[in-house]
Every structure is written in C-alpha cells, then in structure tokens.
Amino acid sequence: LVVGGTGVAPALQLLREVASSSGVFGPSCQAVLVYSSRSPTDIFLLDELREVEQAAQGRIVVRHTLTADDETAKTLQSAGSAELQRIPDRHHSFASRWNPHKPKDGPARLGSGEEAGLRGRVCRDILLELLPPPGTGTKVVVSGPPQMW
C-alpha cells in the first residue's frame, strides 16, 4: 500500500483485514504500508496504524516518509498559528497546529530505520527497499492525491 495524506483512511481498512486471521485475505497475507506525509504532525491515524501493525504480529509493516525537511517542518508547525487563533467560533475539539494530536505512544519515531525514518517523496528507491518484488499474489494499492498515481 502506497498512500499519502488522507489516503491512509481506506488503507487502514485494508490493513485491518490483513491483521485479522479470519479476514477476507486469510491468515498468511502480509502487507507493507508506505505513508507519505509532510511532517510528523501531519501523520493521520498514527495510533491506529501502530495498533494494527502490532496486532498483525509481523505480517504488517508500516513506514512513513516525510517530505518536508526538518527546518521546513518547524516553520510549518508554527506558521499562521497566531492568525488561526483569532478565527471566531472555531471548534476547540479538533487537532490543529495550535492544539496538536498527542499520540498515546508518543510522536512518530524519526530515527533512521524507525517508523518515520524515511525522507522525501515516495520514489523508486523507497519502493524497492520496502515493497516485495513483483510476482503472483503481489498487489500494489495507491491511495492519495493524484500526484501519487
């Protein structure tokens, strides 16, 4: 599965079926999710992805690649927060740049080889590193903005 942004929501549904030994894909199905986000705070459903990866007992691998460099990510996180806080009638229950979601197992781990250790847009090298080789029974699903197709 290769996803970007909100394309992770339908991918999570597929991963839940893979994780379930009684799911439609059967108990021997394996999956790799390559999820592209701009910055660590832009990763949607981090808690749910961690849970499904753990529940699959090694049959699911989730890796994140971040497209903004560290300096740009810091700028994005602070950009416009003062202006956004002045918006009247804003809903205070949603996560935002000034009220970020706090994953229950902590933020995405950014070190090399960790869950969010990859940098840059999804490219051939990343896919070759993480996805299984083409073959019978190997399927690739892409879900995200049109630039990913």
Protein backbone atom coordinates (compact mmCIF):
# COMPACT_ATOMS: atom_id res chain seq x y z
CA LEU A 1 0.00 0.00 0.00
CA VAL A 2 1.37 3.38 -1.01
CA VAL A 3 -0.55 6.28 0.49
CA GLY A 4 -0.38 10.00 1.07
CA GLY A 5 -2.40 12.33 3.28
CA THR A 6 -5.99 11.26 3.86
CA GLY A 7 -5.44 8.26 1.56
CA VAL A 8 -4.42 6.46 4.74
CA ALA A 9 -8.07 6.05 5.83
CA PRO A 10 -9.05 3.43 3.20
CA ALA A 11 -5.63 1.81 3.58
CA LEU A 12 -6.29 1.33 7.30
CA GLN A 13 -9.45 -0.60 6.44
CA LEU A 14 -7.41 -2.96 4.24
CA LEU A 15 -4.74 -3.34 6.93
CA ARG A 16 -7.38 -4.32 9.49
CA GLU A 17 -8.49 -7.13 7.17
CA VAL A 18 -4.88 -8.27 6.77
CA ALA A 19 -4.33 -8.19 10.54
CA SER A 20 -7.38 -10.35 11.19
CA SER A 21 -6.63 -14.05 10.76
CA SER A 22 -10.29 -14.51 9.82
CA GLY A 23 -10.21 -11.51 7.45
CA VAL A 24 -11.02 -11.76 3.76
CA PHE A 25 -7.32 -12.06 2.82
CA GLY A 26 -6.62 -15.07 5.03
CA PRO A 27 -4.09 -15.68 7.80
CA SER A 28 -0.99 -15.76 5.58
CA CYS A 29 -1.49 -12.36 3.90
CA GLN A 30 1.21 -9.77 4.50
CA ALA A 31 1.19 -6.02 3.84
CA VAL A 32 3.57 -3.08 3.71
CA LEU A 33 2.26 0.46 4.08
CA VAL A 34 4.41 3.32 2.77
CA TYR A 35 2.77 6.52 4.02
CA SER A 36 3.94 9.93 2.80
CA SER A 37 3.27 13.00 4.96
CA ARG A 38 4.70 16.48 5.00
CA SER A 39 5.83 16.45 8.65
CA PRO A 40 5.43 14.28 11.78
CA THR A 41 2.39 16.27 12.90
CA ASP A 42 0.73 15.65 9.52
CA ILE A 43 0.63 11.86 10.04
CA PHE A 44 -3.03 10.88 10.37
CA LEU A 45 -4.19 7.83 12.36
CA LEU A 46 -0.77 7.16 13.91
CA ASP A 47 -2.23 5.39 16.95
CA GLU A 48 -4.46 3.19 14.77
CA LEU A 49 -1.60 2.30 12.41
CA ARG A 50 0.60 1.30 15.34
CA GLU A 51 -2.20 -0.83 16.78
CA VAL A 52 -2.89 -2.70 13.54
CA GLU A 53 0.83 -3.27 12.94
CA GLN A 54 1.22 -4.74 16.42
CA ALA A 55 -1.95 -6.86 16.12
CA ALA A 56 -0.68 -8.42 12.89
CA GLN A 57 2.29 -9.97 14.68
CA GLY A 58 4.85 -9.23 11.97
CA ARG A 59 2.58 -9.56 8.93
CA ILE A 60 2.20 -5.78 8.54
CA VAL A 61 5.00 -3.23 8.26
CA VAL A 62 4.19 0.50 8.42
CA ARG A 63 6.78 3.06 7.33
CA HIS A 64 6.40 6.81 6.98
CA THR A 65 8.33 9.11 4.68
CA LEU A 66 8.34 12.81 5.44
CA THR A 67 8.58 15.27 2.56
CA ALA A 68 9.46 18.49 4.42
CA ASP A 69 13.00 18.88 5.68
CA ASP A 70 13.36 19.42 9.43
CA GLU A 71 13.62 23.22 9.15
CA THR A 72 10.56 23.47 6.86
CA ALA A 73 8.58 21.19 9.19
CA LYS A 74 9.31 23.50 12.14
CA THR A 75 8.22 26.51 10.08
CA LEU A 76 5.00 24.76 9.02
CA GLN A 77 4.18 23.87 12.60
CA SER A 78 4.43 27.48 13.76
CA ALA A 79 3.19 29.22 10.59
CA GLY A 80 -0.02 31.13 10.99
CA SER A 81 -0.89 29.91 14.48
CA ALA A 82 -1.47 33.44 15.77
CA GLU A 83 -3.76 34.21 12.84
CA LEU A 84 -5.63 30.94 13.21
CA GLN A 85 -6.26 31.53 16.91
CA ARG A 86 -8.14 34.74 16.05
CA ILE A 87 -10.75 32.93 13.94
CA PRO A 88 -14.12 33.42 15.69
CA ASP A 89 -16.25 30.41 16.60
CA ARG A 90 -13.51 27.88 15.87
CA HIS A 91 -14.11 24.40 17.21
CA HIS A 92 -11.74 23.58 20.06
CA SER A 93 -12.05 19.79 19.90
CA PHE A 94 -10.23 19.29 16.62
CA ALA A 95 -6.49 18.79 16.41
CA SER A 96 -4.71 21.73 14.85
CA ARG A 97 -1.29 23.34 14.68
CA TRP A 98 -2.02 25.14 17.99
CA ASN A 99 -3.71 22.08 19.53
CA PRO A 100 -1.88 19.08 18.02
CA HIS A 101 -2.96 15.47 18.50
CA LYS A 102 -0.79 13.69 21.04
CA PRO A 103 -0.38 10.02 20.04
CA LYS A 104 -0.73 7.72 23.04
CA ASP A 105 2.66 6.06 22.40
CA GLY A 106 4.38 9.38 21.70
CA PRO A 107 5.19 11.16 18.48
CA ALA A 108 6.37 9.34 15.37
CA ARG A 109 9.86 7.93 15.84
CA LEU A 110 12.08 9.76 13.35
CA GLY A 111 15.41 7.96 13.59
CA SER A 112 16.97 6.07 10.70
CA GLY A 113 15.31 2.65 10.43
CA GLU A 114 12.42 3.67 12.67
CA GLU A 115 8.76 4.08 11.70
CA ALA A 116 9.22 7.62 10.28
CA GLY A 117 12.89 7.46 9.38
CA LEU A 118 12.48 7.94 5.62
CA ARG A 119 12.74 11.36 3.95
CA GLY A 120 11.45 12.68 0.64
CA ARG A 121 8.57 11.83 -1.65
CA VAL A 122 7.75 8.20 -2.38
CA CYS A 123 10.17 7.20 -5.12
CA ARG A 124 11.50 4.11 -6.85
CA ASP A 125 14.29 3.61 -4.28
CA ILE A 126 11.87 3.68 -1.34
CA LEU A 127 9.51 1.26 -3.08
CA LEU A 128 12.35 -1.12 -3.97
CA GLU A 129 13.56 -1.05 -0.37
CA LEU A 130 10.18 -1.71 1.27
CA LEU A 131 7.82 -3.49 -1.12
CA PRO A 132 8.06 -7.15 -2.12
CA PRO A 133 9.20 -7.86 -5.68
CA PRO A 134 6.54 -8.19 -8.39
CA GLY A 135 5.01 -11.64 -8.61
CA THR A 136 1.91 -13.75 -8.47
CA GLY A 137 -0.18 -12.71 -5.49
CA THR A 138 1.58 -9.36 -5.06
CA LYS A 139 -0.76 -6.40 -5.33
CA VAL A 140 0.01 -2.69 -5.08
CA VAL A 141 -2.67 -0.22 -3.98
CA VAL A 142 -2.12 3.55 -4.22
CA SER A 143 -4.37 5.94 -2.30
CA GLY A 144 -3.75 9.64 -2.13
CA PRO A 145 -3.57 12.80 -4.18
CA PRO A 146 -3.41 12.47 -7.98
CA GLN A 147 0.32 13.32 -7.98
CA MET A 148 0.96 9.90 -6.39
CA TRP A 149 -0.55 7.92 -9.25
